């Protein structure tokens, strides 16, 4: 008797919306792929604020939740 292990399709959540992620990547690369300037955003990763200096070493997967806030200048 055999059995199958099925992995439920899962998408990461970015700013409250589901987003497909094909493979784990760094936070920095994900931000660049999404069109963000890494020097002008703040990121919460699974409830924790990530320092900009850690974007390159923080790995994100399809099980993660991100909140990305962009800073906008003006007057």
C-alpha atoms as a PDB file:
ATOM      1  CA  UNK A   1       0.000   0.000   0.000  1.00  0.00           C
ATOM      2  CA  UNK A   2       1.466   3.357  -1.013  1.00  0.00           C
ATOM      3  CA  UNK A   3       0.721   6.928  -0.228  1.00  0.00           C
ATOM      4  CA  UNK A   4       1.387  10.275  -1.807  1.00  0.00           C
ATOM      5  CA  UNK A   5       2.712  13.309  -0.045  1.00  0.00           C
ATOM      6  CA  UNK A   6       1.069  16.351  -1.521  1.00  0.00           C
ATOM      7  CA  UNK A   7       2.378  19.819  -0.912  1.00  0.00           C
ATOM      8  CA  UNK A   8      -0.360  22.388  -0.790  1.00  0.00           C
ATOM      9  CA  UNK A   9       0.333  25.204  -3.223  1.00  0.00           C
ATOM     10  CA  UNK A  10       1.289  28.185  -1.121  1.00  0.00           C
ATOM     11  CA  UNK A  11       1.918  31.792  -2.006  1.00  0.00           C
ATOM     12  CA  UNK A  12       3.699  34.381   0.048  1.00  0.00           C
ATOM     13  CA  UNK A  13       1.749  37.394   1.240  1.00  0.00           C
ATOM     14  CA  UNK A  14       3.060  40.841   0.316  1.00  0.00           C
ATOM     15  CA  UNK A  15       1.132  43.832   1.661  1.00  0.00           C
ATOM     16  CA  UNK A  16      -1.911  41.627   2.222  1.00  0.00           C
ATOM     17  CA  UNK A  17      -1.969  40.118  -1.293  1.00  0.00           C
ATOM     18  CA  UNK A  18      -0.893  36.660  -2.410  1.00  0.00           C
ATOM     19  CA  UNK A  19       2.214  36.627  -4.577  1.00  0.00           C
ATOM     20  CA  UNK A  20       3.709  33.556  -6.235  1.00  0.00           C
ATOM     21  CA  UNK A  21       7.360  32.900  -5.488  1.00  0.00           C
ATOM     22  CA  UNK A  22       8.965  30.231  -7.652  1.00  0.00           C
ATOM     23  CA  UNK A  23      11.952  29.646  -5.390  1.00  0.00           C
ATOM     24  CA  UNK A  24      13.505  31.057  -2.236  1.00  0.00           C
ATOM     25  CA  UNK A  25      15.409  34.281  -2.820  1.00  0.00           C
ATOM     26  CA  UNK A  26      16.986  37.071  -0.837  1.00  0.00           C
ATOM     27  CA  UNK A  27      14.853  39.931   0.338  1.00  0.00           C
ATOM     28  CA  UNK A  28      17.080  42.316  -1.586  1.00  0.00           C
ATOM     29  CA  UNK A  29      16.563  40.447  -4.866  1.00  0.00           C
ATOM     30  CA  UNK A  30      12.815  40.202  -4.323  1.00  0.00           C
ATOM     31  CA  UNK A  31      12.562  43.944  -3.687  1.00  0.00           C
ATOM     32  CA  UNK A  32      14.548  44.675  -6.848  1.00  0.00           C
ATOM     33  CA  UNK A  33      12.409  42.236  -8.862  1.00  0.00           C
ATOM     34  CA  UNK A  34       9.280  44.007  -7.611  1.00  0.00           C
ATOM     35  CA  UNK A  35      10.673  47.395  -8.658  1.00  0.00           C
ATOM     36  CA  UNK A  36      11.474  48.828  -5.236  1.00  0.00           C
ATOM     37  CA  UNK A  37      14.527  50.931  -4.418  1.00  0.00           C
ATOM     38  CA  UNK A  38      16.000  49.145  -1.426  1.00  0.00           C
ATOM     39  CA  UNK A  39      17.216  52.406   0.080  1.00  0.00           C
ATOM     40  CA  UNK A  40      13.680  53.835   0.122  1.00  0.00           C
ATOM     41  CA  UNK A  41      11.687  51.045   1.793  1.00  0.00           C
ATOM     42  CA  UNK A  42      11.091  49.540   5.218  1.00  0.00           C
ATOM     43  CA  UNK A  43      10.238  45.842   5.384  1.00  0.00           C
ATOM     44  CA  UNK A  44       8.465  43.747   7.987  1.00  0.00           C
ATOM     45  CA  UNK A  45       9.202  40.031   7.498  1.00  0.00           C
ATOM     46  CA  UNK A  46       6.902  37.681   9.430  1.00  0.00           C
ATOM     47  CA  UNK A  47       6.288  40.370  12.041  1.00  0.00           C
ATOM     48  CA  UNK A  48       9.899  41.519  12.411  1.00  0.00           C
ATOM     49  CA  UNK A  49      11.416  44.708  10.997  1.00  0.00           C
ATOM     50  CA  UNK A  50      14.450  43.894   8.840  1.00  0.00           C
ATOM     51  CA  UNK A  51      17.363  46.322   8.805  1.00  0.00           C
ATOM     52  CA  UNK A  52      18.442  47.446   5.335  1.00  0.00           C
ATOM     53  CA  UNK A  53      21.925  46.045   5.920  1.00  0.00           C
ATOM     54  CA  UNK A  54      20.316  42.589   6.325  1.00  0.00           C
ATOM     55  CA  UNK A  55      18.318  42.573   3.061  1.00  0.00           C
ATOM     56  CA  UNK A  56      21.107  40.696   1.249  1.00  0.00           C
ATOM     57  CA  UNK A  57      21.249  37.867   3.784  1.00  0.00           C
ATOM     58  CA  UNK A  58      17.533  37.521   4.584  1.00  0.00           C
ATOM     59  CA  UNK A  59      16.020  34.639   2.611  1.00  0.00           C
ATOM     60  CA  UNK A  60      12.301  34.716   1.817  1.00  0.00           C
ATOM     61  CA  UNK A  61      10.143  31.743   0.840  1.00  0.00           C
ATOM     62  CA  UNK A  62       6.575  31.141  -0.277  1.00  0.00           C
ATOM     63  CA  UNK A  63       5.545  30.651   3.370  1.00  0.00           C
ATOM     64  CA  UNK A  64       6.488  34.216   4.396  1.00  0.00           C
ATOM     65  CA  UNK A  65       4.491  37.387   4.987  1.00  0.00           C
ATOM     66  CA  UNK A  66       5.974  40.753   4.043  1.00  0.00           C
ATOM     67  CA  UNK A  67       4.820  44.303   4.566  1.00  0.00           C
ATOM     68  CA  UNK A  68       6.730  46.768   2.399  1.00  0.00           C
ATOM     69  CA  UNK A  69       6.470  50.499   3.007  1.00  0.00           C
ATOM     70  CA  UNK A  70       7.922  52.956   0.493  1.00  0.00           C
ATOM     71  CA  UNK A  71       9.173  56.350   1.522  1.00  0.00           C
ATOM     72  CA  UNK A  72       8.012  59.177  -0.714  1.00  0.00           C
ATOM     73  CA  UNK A  73       9.533  62.616  -0.707  1.00  0.00           C
ATOM     74  CA  UNK A  74       7.613  65.742  -1.389  1.00  0.00           C
ATOM     75  CA  UNK A  75       6.707  69.076  -0.057  1.00  0.00           C
END
